[in-house]
N, C-alpha and C. Protein backbone atom coordinates (compact mmCIF):
# COMPACT_ATOMS: atom_id res chain seq x y z
N MET A 1 7.56 -24.10 -4.16
CA MET A 1 8.50 -25.14 -3.87
C MET A 1 9.60 -24.55 -3.01
N SER A 2 10.01 -25.28 -1.99
CA SER A 2 11.04 -24.79 -1.08
C SER A 2 12.15 -25.80 -0.94
N GLY A 3 13.32 -25.31 -0.59
CA GLY A 3 14.44 -26.18 -0.27
C GLY A 3 14.26 -26.73 1.13
N ASP A 4 15.22 -27.53 1.59
CA ASP A 4 15.14 -28.13 2.92
C ASP A 4 15.08 -27.09 4.03
N ASP A 5 15.65 -25.91 3.78
CA ASP A 5 15.66 -24.87 4.80
C ASP A 5 14.41 -23.99 4.77
N GLY A 6 13.44 -24.32 3.89
CA GLY A 6 12.20 -23.56 3.82
C GLY A 6 12.26 -22.37 2.89
N ARG A 7 13.45 -22.03 2.41
CA ARG A 7 13.57 -20.90 1.49
C ARG A 7 13.24 -21.35 0.07
N PRO A 8 12.77 -20.43 -0.78
CA PRO A 8 12.46 -20.80 -2.15
C PRO A 8 13.69 -21.33 -2.86
N THR A 9 13.49 -22.29 -3.74
CA THR A 9 14.59 -22.81 -4.55
C THR A 9 14.94 -21.79 -5.63
N GLY A 10 16.05 -22.00 -6.28
CA GLY A 10 16.45 -21.09 -7.37
C GLY A 10 15.38 -20.98 -8.43
N ALA A 11 14.75 -22.12 -8.77
CA ALA A 11 13.69 -22.11 -9.78
C ALA A 11 12.51 -21.25 -9.32
N GLN A 12 12.15 -21.37 -8.04
CA GLN A 12 11.03 -20.59 -7.52
C GLN A 12 11.37 -19.10 -7.50
N ARG A 13 12.60 -18.78 -7.05
CA ARG A 13 13.02 -17.37 -7.06
C ARG A 13 12.99 -16.83 -8.47
N GLY A 14 13.45 -17.62 -9.43
CA GLY A 14 13.43 -17.18 -10.83
C GLY A 14 12.02 -16.93 -11.31
N ALA A 15 11.08 -17.81 -10.94
CA ALA A 15 9.69 -17.63 -11.33
C ALA A 15 9.13 -16.37 -10.69
N ASP A 16 9.46 -16.13 -9.41
CA ASP A 16 8.99 -14.92 -8.75
C ASP A 16 9.55 -13.68 -9.42
N ASP A 17 10.84 -13.70 -9.76
CA ASP A 17 11.45 -12.56 -10.44
C ASP A 17 10.81 -12.35 -11.81
N GLN A 18 10.53 -13.45 -12.52
CA GLN A 18 9.93 -13.33 -13.83
C GLN A 18 8.53 -12.72 -13.70
N GLY A 19 7.77 -13.16 -12.69
CA GLY A 19 6.45 -12.59 -12.46
C GLY A 19 6.54 -11.11 -12.15
N ALA A 20 7.53 -10.73 -11.37
CA ALA A 20 7.71 -9.32 -11.04
C ALA A 20 8.08 -8.53 -12.29
N ARG A 21 8.94 -9.09 -13.14
CA ARG A 21 9.29 -8.39 -14.37
C ARG A 21 8.08 -8.26 -15.28
N ARG A 22 7.28 -9.31 -15.37
CA ARG A 22 6.07 -9.24 -16.18
C ARG A 22 5.16 -8.14 -15.68
N SER A 23 5.09 -7.99 -14.37
CA SER A 23 4.17 -7.00 -13.81
C SER A 23 4.76 -5.59 -13.89
N GLY A 24 6.05 -5.46 -14.18
CA GLY A 24 6.67 -4.15 -14.29
C GLY A 24 7.20 -3.65 -12.96
N THR A 25 6.76 -4.22 -11.86
CA THR A 25 7.28 -3.85 -10.56
C THR A 25 8.59 -4.58 -10.37
N THR A 26 9.60 -3.89 -9.91
CA THR A 26 10.91 -4.52 -9.78
C THR A 26 10.84 -5.66 -8.78
N PRO A 27 11.63 -6.69 -9.01
CA PRO A 27 11.66 -7.79 -8.04
C PRO A 27 11.96 -7.28 -6.63
N GLN A 28 12.80 -6.26 -6.50
CA GLN A 28 13.15 -5.74 -5.18
C GLN A 28 11.92 -5.20 -4.46
N GLN A 29 11.00 -4.55 -5.18
CA GLN A 29 9.79 -4.04 -4.54
C GLN A 29 8.94 -5.18 -3.98
N TRP A 30 8.87 -6.28 -4.71
CA TRP A 30 8.10 -7.43 -4.23
C TRP A 30 8.80 -8.08 -3.05
N VAL A 31 10.12 -8.11 -3.07
CA VAL A 31 10.87 -8.65 -1.94
C VAL A 31 10.60 -7.81 -0.69
N VAL A 32 10.65 -6.50 -0.84
CA VAL A 32 10.39 -5.60 0.30
C VAL A 32 8.96 -5.82 0.80
N LEU A 33 7.98 -5.88 -0.10
CA LEU A 33 6.61 -6.10 0.32
C LEU A 33 6.46 -7.43 1.04
N ASP A 34 7.08 -8.48 0.51
CA ASP A 34 7.04 -9.79 1.18
C ASP A 34 7.64 -9.70 2.58
N GLN A 35 8.75 -8.98 2.73
CA GLN A 35 9.40 -8.85 4.04
C GLN A 35 8.51 -8.09 5.02
N VAL A 36 7.86 -7.04 4.53
CA VAL A 36 6.96 -6.27 5.39
C VAL A 36 5.79 -7.15 5.84
N LEU A 37 5.20 -7.86 4.89
CA LEU A 37 4.05 -8.71 5.22
C LEU A 37 4.42 -9.84 6.17
N ALA A 38 5.67 -10.29 6.11
CA ALA A 38 6.14 -11.36 7.00
C ALA A 38 6.58 -10.84 8.36
N GLY A 39 6.61 -9.51 8.51
CA GLY A 39 7.01 -8.93 9.79
C GLY A 39 8.52 -8.81 9.95
N ALA A 40 9.26 -9.04 8.86
CA ALA A 40 10.71 -8.99 8.93
C ALA A 40 11.26 -7.59 8.64
N ARG A 41 10.38 -6.66 8.30
CA ARG A 41 10.78 -5.31 7.95
C ARG A 41 9.66 -4.37 8.37
N PRO A 42 9.99 -3.16 8.80
CA PRO A 42 8.93 -2.22 9.18
C PRO A 42 8.07 -1.84 7.99
N GLY A 43 6.87 -1.35 8.27
CA GLY A 43 5.97 -0.88 7.22
C GLY A 43 6.62 0.18 6.37
N THR A 44 6.08 0.38 5.19
CA THR A 44 6.67 1.32 4.26
C THR A 44 5.64 1.76 3.24
N VAL A 45 6.03 2.71 2.40
CA VAL A 45 5.23 3.12 1.25
C VAL A 45 6.04 2.77 0.02
N LEU A 46 5.45 1.94 -0.85
CA LEU A 46 6.12 1.49 -2.07
C LEU A 46 5.35 1.95 -3.29
N ARG A 47 6.06 2.13 -4.37
CA ARG A 47 5.40 2.47 -5.63
C ARG A 47 5.40 1.25 -6.52
N GLY A 48 4.23 0.84 -6.99
CA GLY A 48 4.11 -0.33 -7.84
C GLY A 48 3.89 0.06 -9.28
N ASP A 49 4.97 0.21 -10.04
CA ASP A 49 4.86 0.49 -11.46
C ASP A 49 4.64 -0.84 -12.16
N ASP A 50 3.50 -1.00 -12.76
CA ASP A 50 3.10 -2.30 -13.26
C ASP A 50 2.66 -2.19 -14.71
N GLY A 51 3.28 -2.95 -15.57
CA GLY A 51 2.95 -2.90 -16.99
C GLY A 51 1.83 -3.83 -17.39
N SER A 52 1.46 -4.77 -16.55
CA SER A 52 0.47 -5.77 -16.96
C SER A 52 -0.90 -5.57 -16.34
N GLY A 53 -1.00 -4.68 -15.37
CA GLY A 53 -2.29 -4.44 -14.76
C GLY A 53 -2.59 -5.32 -13.57
N ASP A 54 -1.59 -6.05 -13.09
CA ASP A 54 -1.89 -6.97 -11.99
C ASP A 54 -1.22 -6.64 -10.66
N ALA A 55 -0.62 -5.49 -10.54
CA ALA A 55 0.08 -5.15 -9.28
C ALA A 55 -0.88 -5.11 -8.10
N ALA A 56 -2.04 -4.47 -8.27
CA ALA A 56 -3.00 -4.39 -7.17
C ALA A 56 -3.51 -5.77 -6.79
N ASP A 57 -3.84 -6.57 -7.79
CA ASP A 57 -4.34 -7.92 -7.51
C ASP A 57 -3.27 -8.77 -6.83
N ARG A 58 -2.06 -8.68 -7.34
CA ARG A 58 -0.98 -9.48 -6.76
C ARG A 58 -0.70 -9.06 -5.32
N ALA A 59 -0.64 -7.76 -5.09
CA ALA A 59 -0.38 -7.27 -3.74
C ALA A 59 -1.52 -7.66 -2.80
N ALA A 60 -2.76 -7.55 -3.27
CA ALA A 60 -3.91 -7.94 -2.44
C ALA A 60 -3.83 -9.41 -2.08
N GLN A 61 -3.48 -10.25 -3.04
CA GLN A 61 -3.35 -11.68 -2.76
C GLN A 61 -2.25 -11.94 -1.74
N LEU A 62 -1.11 -11.29 -1.91
CA LEU A 62 -0.01 -11.46 -0.96
C LEU A 62 -0.43 -11.02 0.44
N GLY A 63 -1.09 -9.87 0.51
CA GLY A 63 -1.52 -9.35 1.81
C GLY A 63 -2.51 -10.28 2.49
N ARG A 64 -3.50 -10.71 1.76
CA ARG A 64 -4.52 -11.59 2.35
C ARG A 64 -3.91 -12.93 2.77
N ARG A 65 -3.02 -13.45 1.94
CA ARG A 65 -2.36 -14.70 2.27
C ARG A 65 -1.56 -14.59 3.57
N ALA A 66 -1.02 -13.40 3.82
CA ALA A 66 -0.24 -13.16 5.05
C ALA A 66 -1.15 -12.81 6.23
N GLY A 67 -2.46 -12.74 6.00
CA GLY A 67 -3.40 -12.45 7.08
C GLY A 67 -3.65 -10.97 7.31
N TRP A 68 -3.17 -10.12 6.41
CA TRP A 68 -3.34 -8.68 6.55
C TRP A 68 -4.71 -8.26 6.02
N SER A 69 -5.22 -7.17 6.57
CA SER A 69 -6.40 -6.52 6.02
C SER A 69 -5.93 -5.72 4.80
N VAL A 70 -6.69 -5.77 3.72
CA VAL A 70 -6.34 -5.03 2.50
C VAL A 70 -7.39 -3.94 2.29
N VAL A 71 -6.93 -2.70 2.22
CA VAL A 71 -7.81 -1.54 2.04
C VAL A 71 -7.53 -0.93 0.68
N LEU A 72 -8.58 -0.76 -0.13
CA LEU A 72 -8.44 -0.08 -1.41
C LEU A 72 -8.76 1.38 -1.21
N LEU A 73 -7.77 2.22 -1.42
CA LEU A 73 -7.95 3.68 -1.36
C LEU A 73 -7.92 4.17 -2.80
N ASP A 74 -9.09 4.37 -3.38
CA ASP A 74 -9.20 4.81 -4.76
C ASP A 74 -9.49 6.31 -4.78
N THR A 75 -8.51 7.08 -5.21
CA THR A 75 -8.68 8.53 -5.24
C THR A 75 -8.81 9.05 -6.67
N THR A 76 -9.23 8.19 -7.57
CA THR A 76 -9.47 8.63 -8.95
C THR A 76 -10.46 9.79 -8.93
N GLY A 77 -10.07 10.89 -9.55
CA GLY A 77 -10.92 12.07 -9.61
C GLY A 77 -10.83 12.97 -8.38
N ALA A 78 -10.11 12.55 -7.35
CA ALA A 78 -9.92 13.38 -6.16
C ALA A 78 -8.69 14.25 -6.42
N LEU A 79 -8.93 15.51 -6.74
CA LEU A 79 -7.84 16.37 -7.21
C LEU A 79 -7.39 17.42 -6.21
N ASP A 80 -7.86 17.33 -4.97
CA ASP A 80 -7.41 18.26 -3.94
C ASP A 80 -7.49 17.59 -2.57
N LYS A 81 -7.00 18.29 -1.58
CA LYS A 81 -6.93 17.77 -0.22
C LYS A 81 -8.30 17.33 0.29
N ALA A 82 -9.31 18.17 0.09
CA ALA A 82 -10.65 17.86 0.61
C ALA A 82 -11.18 16.55 0.02
N ALA A 83 -11.04 16.40 -1.28
CA ALA A 83 -11.52 15.17 -1.94
C ALA A 83 -10.72 13.96 -1.48
N LEU A 84 -9.42 14.12 -1.33
CA LEU A 84 -8.58 13.02 -0.84
C LEU A 84 -9.02 12.59 0.55
N LEU A 85 -9.22 13.56 1.44
CA LEU A 85 -9.61 13.22 2.80
C LEU A 85 -10.99 12.57 2.85
N ASP A 86 -11.90 12.98 1.95
CA ASP A 86 -13.20 12.30 1.84
C ASP A 86 -13.01 10.83 1.47
N ARG A 87 -12.13 10.57 0.50
CA ARG A 87 -11.88 9.20 0.06
C ARG A 87 -11.22 8.38 1.17
N CYS A 88 -10.34 9.01 1.93
CA CYS A 88 -9.72 8.31 3.07
C CYS A 88 -10.78 7.94 4.10
N GLN A 89 -11.67 8.87 4.38
CA GLN A 89 -12.74 8.60 5.34
C GLN A 89 -13.56 7.40 4.88
N GLN A 90 -13.90 7.35 3.60
CA GLN A 90 -14.69 6.23 3.07
C GLN A 90 -13.91 4.92 3.11
N ALA A 91 -12.67 4.95 2.63
CA ALA A 91 -11.88 3.72 2.51
C ALA A 91 -11.58 3.09 3.87
N PHE A 92 -11.26 3.92 4.85
CA PHE A 92 -10.88 3.41 6.16
C PHE A 92 -12.05 3.32 7.13
N GLY A 93 -13.21 3.83 6.72
CA GLY A 93 -14.37 3.78 7.60
C GLY A 93 -14.26 4.70 8.80
N PHE A 94 -13.63 5.86 8.60
CA PHE A 94 -13.53 6.83 9.69
C PHE A 94 -14.94 7.34 10.03
N PRO A 95 -15.15 7.74 11.27
CA PRO A 95 -16.50 8.18 11.69
C PRO A 95 -16.92 9.48 10.99
N GLU A 96 -18.20 9.77 11.07
CA GLU A 96 -18.75 10.99 10.46
C GLU A 96 -18.06 12.25 10.94
N TRP A 97 -17.63 12.25 12.19
CA TRP A 97 -17.02 13.44 12.76
C TRP A 97 -15.53 13.58 12.43
N PHE A 98 -15.02 12.74 11.51
CA PHE A 98 -13.62 12.84 11.06
C PHE A 98 -13.33 14.29 10.68
N GLY A 99 -12.21 14.83 11.14
CA GLY A 99 -11.90 16.25 11.04
C GLY A 99 -11.50 16.80 9.68
N HIS A 100 -11.21 15.99 8.70
CA HIS A 100 -10.85 16.44 7.36
C HIS A 100 -9.67 17.42 7.34
N ASN A 101 -8.64 17.09 8.12
CA ASN A 101 -7.38 17.84 8.06
C ASN A 101 -6.26 16.82 8.26
N TRP A 102 -5.02 17.25 8.07
CA TRP A 102 -3.88 16.32 8.13
C TRP A 102 -3.71 15.70 9.50
N ASP A 103 -3.91 16.50 10.56
CA ASP A 103 -3.78 15.94 11.91
C ASP A 103 -4.84 14.88 12.17
N ALA A 104 -6.07 15.15 11.71
CA ALA A 104 -7.14 14.16 11.89
C ALA A 104 -6.83 12.88 11.12
N LEU A 105 -6.26 13.02 9.92
CA LEU A 105 -5.88 11.84 9.16
C LEU A 105 -4.82 11.04 9.90
N ALA A 106 -3.79 11.72 10.38
CA ALA A 106 -2.72 11.04 11.12
C ALA A 106 -3.28 10.34 12.36
N ASP A 107 -4.12 11.04 13.12
CA ASP A 107 -4.70 10.46 14.32
C ASP A 107 -5.57 9.25 13.98
N SER A 108 -6.40 9.39 12.96
CA SER A 108 -7.30 8.30 12.59
C SER A 108 -6.53 7.10 12.06
N LEU A 109 -5.48 7.34 11.29
CA LEU A 109 -4.67 6.22 10.78
C LEU A 109 -3.97 5.49 11.92
N SER A 110 -3.63 6.20 12.98
CA SER A 110 -2.98 5.53 14.11
C SER A 110 -3.91 4.54 14.79
N GLU A 111 -5.20 4.69 14.55
CA GLU A 111 -6.19 3.77 15.13
C GLU A 111 -6.58 2.64 14.19
N VAL A 112 -6.04 2.64 12.98
CA VAL A 112 -6.29 1.55 12.04
C VAL A 112 -5.38 0.41 12.46
N GLU A 113 -5.95 -0.59 13.10
CA GLU A 113 -5.14 -1.65 13.68
C GLU A 113 -5.77 -3.02 13.45
N HIS A 114 -5.52 -3.60 12.32
CA HIS A 114 -5.89 -4.99 12.09
C HIS A 114 -4.93 -5.85 12.92
N PRO A 115 -5.38 -6.96 13.48
CA PRO A 115 -4.51 -7.76 14.34
C PRO A 115 -3.16 -8.14 13.72
N VAL A 116 -3.13 -8.36 12.40
CA VAL A 116 -1.87 -8.73 11.77
C VAL A 116 -1.21 -7.52 11.12
N GLY A 117 -1.96 -6.76 10.35
CA GLY A 117 -1.43 -5.59 9.67
C GLY A 117 -2.42 -5.09 8.64
N THR A 118 -2.18 -3.90 8.12
CA THR A 118 -3.05 -3.30 7.11
C THR A 118 -2.21 -2.93 5.89
N LEU A 119 -2.64 -3.41 4.73
CA LEU A 119 -2.00 -3.08 3.45
C LEU A 119 -2.96 -2.20 2.68
N VAL A 120 -2.51 -1.00 2.36
CA VAL A 120 -3.33 -0.04 1.61
C VAL A 120 -2.87 -0.06 0.15
N LEU A 121 -3.81 -0.29 -0.74
CA LEU A 121 -3.54 -0.21 -2.17
C LEU A 121 -4.15 1.10 -2.65
N TRP A 122 -3.27 2.08 -2.93
CA TRP A 122 -3.73 3.41 -3.30
C TRP A 122 -3.72 3.53 -4.81
N THR A 123 -4.92 3.56 -5.39
CA THR A 123 -5.07 3.75 -6.83
C THR A 123 -5.57 5.16 -7.10
N GLY A 124 -5.31 5.66 -8.29
CA GLY A 124 -5.79 6.98 -8.67
C GLY A 124 -5.02 8.14 -8.05
N TRP A 125 -3.89 7.86 -7.44
CA TRP A 125 -3.09 8.90 -6.78
C TRP A 125 -2.46 9.87 -7.76
N ASP A 126 -2.28 9.44 -9.01
CA ASP A 126 -1.57 10.24 -10.00
C ASP A 126 -2.28 11.55 -10.33
N GLY A 127 -3.60 11.55 -10.33
CA GLY A 127 -4.35 12.78 -10.60
C GLY A 127 -4.10 13.81 -9.51
N LEU A 128 -4.11 13.38 -8.26
CA LEU A 128 -3.83 14.28 -7.15
C LEU A 128 -2.38 14.77 -7.24
N ALA A 129 -1.47 13.89 -7.57
CA ALA A 129 -0.05 14.28 -7.66
C ALA A 129 0.14 15.38 -8.70
N ARG A 130 -0.60 15.30 -9.80
CA ARG A 130 -0.49 16.34 -10.84
C ARG A 130 -1.24 17.61 -10.46
N ALA A 131 -2.45 17.47 -9.92
CA ALA A 131 -3.31 18.62 -9.66
C ALA A 131 -2.94 19.38 -8.39
N ASP A 132 -2.46 18.67 -7.39
CA ASP A 132 -2.16 19.30 -6.10
C ASP A 132 -0.97 18.59 -5.46
N ALA A 133 0.21 18.87 -6.03
CA ALA A 133 1.43 18.20 -5.57
C ALA A 133 1.68 18.38 -4.07
N PRO A 134 1.44 19.56 -3.50
CA PRO A 134 1.65 19.69 -2.05
C PRO A 134 0.73 18.76 -1.23
N ALA A 135 -0.52 18.65 -1.63
CA ALA A 135 -1.44 17.75 -0.90
C ALA A 135 -1.00 16.30 -1.06
N PHE A 136 -0.60 15.92 -2.27
CA PHE A 136 -0.12 14.56 -2.49
C PHE A 136 1.12 14.29 -1.62
N GLY A 137 2.05 15.23 -1.62
CA GLY A 137 3.27 15.07 -0.82
C GLY A 137 2.97 14.93 0.67
N THR A 138 2.05 15.74 1.16
CA THR A 138 1.70 15.65 2.58
C THR A 138 1.01 14.33 2.88
N ALA A 139 0.13 13.88 1.98
CA ALA A 139 -0.55 12.60 2.18
C ALA A 139 0.46 11.46 2.25
N VAL A 140 1.43 11.46 1.35
CA VAL A 140 2.46 10.42 1.36
C VAL A 140 3.26 10.50 2.67
N GLU A 141 3.54 11.71 3.11
CA GLU A 141 4.28 11.90 4.37
C GLU A 141 3.49 11.33 5.55
N VAL A 142 2.19 11.61 5.61
CA VAL A 142 1.35 11.11 6.70
C VAL A 142 1.30 9.58 6.65
N LEU A 143 1.12 9.01 5.46
CA LEU A 143 1.09 7.56 5.32
C LEU A 143 2.43 6.93 5.69
N THR A 144 3.52 7.58 5.31
CA THR A 144 4.85 7.08 5.63
C THR A 144 5.09 7.10 7.14
N GLU A 145 4.66 8.18 7.79
CA GLU A 145 4.80 8.25 9.25
C GLU A 145 4.00 7.14 9.92
N ARG A 146 2.79 6.88 9.42
CA ARG A 146 1.97 5.81 10.00
C ARG A 146 2.64 4.45 9.79
N ALA A 147 3.19 4.24 8.59
CA ALA A 147 3.85 2.97 8.29
C ALA A 147 5.07 2.76 9.18
N ALA A 148 5.76 3.84 9.51
CA ALA A 148 6.97 3.75 10.32
C ALA A 148 6.70 3.68 11.82
N SER A 149 5.45 3.86 12.22
CA SER A 149 5.11 3.88 13.64
C SER A 149 5.44 2.55 14.31
N ALA A 150 6.21 2.63 15.37
CA ALA A 150 6.57 1.43 16.12
C ALA A 150 5.51 1.09 17.15
N VAL A 151 4.58 2.01 17.38
CA VAL A 151 3.56 1.82 18.41
C VAL A 151 2.35 1.07 17.87
N ALA A 152 1.92 1.43 16.67
CA ALA A 152 0.71 0.85 16.08
C ALA A 152 1.03 -0.47 15.37
N ARG A 153 -0.01 -1.19 15.00
CA ARG A 153 0.13 -2.43 14.24
C ARG A 153 0.76 -2.15 12.88
N PRO A 154 1.36 -3.17 12.24
CA PRO A 154 2.00 -2.98 10.94
C PRO A 154 1.06 -2.37 9.90
N PHE A 155 1.65 -1.58 9.02
CA PHE A 155 0.90 -0.80 8.04
C PHE A 155 1.82 -0.58 6.84
N ALA A 156 1.33 -0.84 5.65
CA ALA A 156 2.12 -0.61 4.44
C ALA A 156 1.20 -0.07 3.36
N VAL A 157 1.78 0.67 2.42
CA VAL A 157 1.03 1.29 1.34
C VAL A 157 1.73 0.96 0.02
N LEU A 158 0.93 0.56 -0.97
CA LEU A 158 1.44 0.37 -2.33
C LEU A 158 0.73 1.40 -3.21
N LEU A 159 1.52 2.32 -3.78
CA LEU A 159 0.98 3.27 -4.75
C LEU A 159 0.90 2.53 -6.07
N VAL A 160 -0.31 2.20 -6.48
CA VAL A 160 -0.51 1.43 -7.71
C VAL A 160 -0.46 2.38 -8.89
N ALA A 161 0.41 2.08 -9.85
CA ALA A 161 0.64 2.95 -11.00
C ALA A 161 -0.64 3.14 -11.80
N PRO A 162 -0.77 4.28 -12.46
CA PRO A 162 -1.96 4.54 -13.27
C PRO A 162 -2.25 3.40 -14.24
N GLY A 163 -3.52 3.04 -14.32
CA GLY A 163 -3.95 1.99 -15.23
C GLY A 163 -3.65 0.60 -14.73
N GLN A 164 -3.24 0.44 -13.49
CA GLN A 164 -2.81 -0.87 -12.98
C GLN A 164 -3.69 -1.35 -11.85
N GLN A 165 -4.96 -1.01 -11.89
CA GLN A 165 -5.83 -1.38 -10.79
C GLN A 165 -6.27 -2.84 -10.85
N GLY A 166 -5.89 -3.55 -11.86
CA GLY A 166 -6.22 -4.98 -11.94
C GLY A 166 -7.50 -5.26 -12.62
């Protein structure tokens, strides 16, 4: 429901905030994601701490509704750089000759260009963060740089909290 100016009414905003609280993700994170998907804010990497298990589903619905491509990057069990890069190759459909290093990941991500934008739902990241914090940190850095790129099409990443794959 919208007011005359097209913005959500107070009741709708309250319902959205309540849904965000139910999901455990702060209302601000959903506002930021909505702004990114609408093109009103540059791409970003967000963390979706979700208590109900629906953050991935909700984000996927929002992304698809906005016309974005939604990519599931599931790194469950990928506990080092090599395994992470294998999962990236699979999730993004990188060619067989993908270089399996950070520069190759950055270069390949720069070519991920859905006409509207790409929303990555990264599940299973917590195992990598615990087992190989430097690799996790570098991966987040590469994804953040891609999201911030003013040259490529819009790109955003939601780190889906453990157990919240929907």
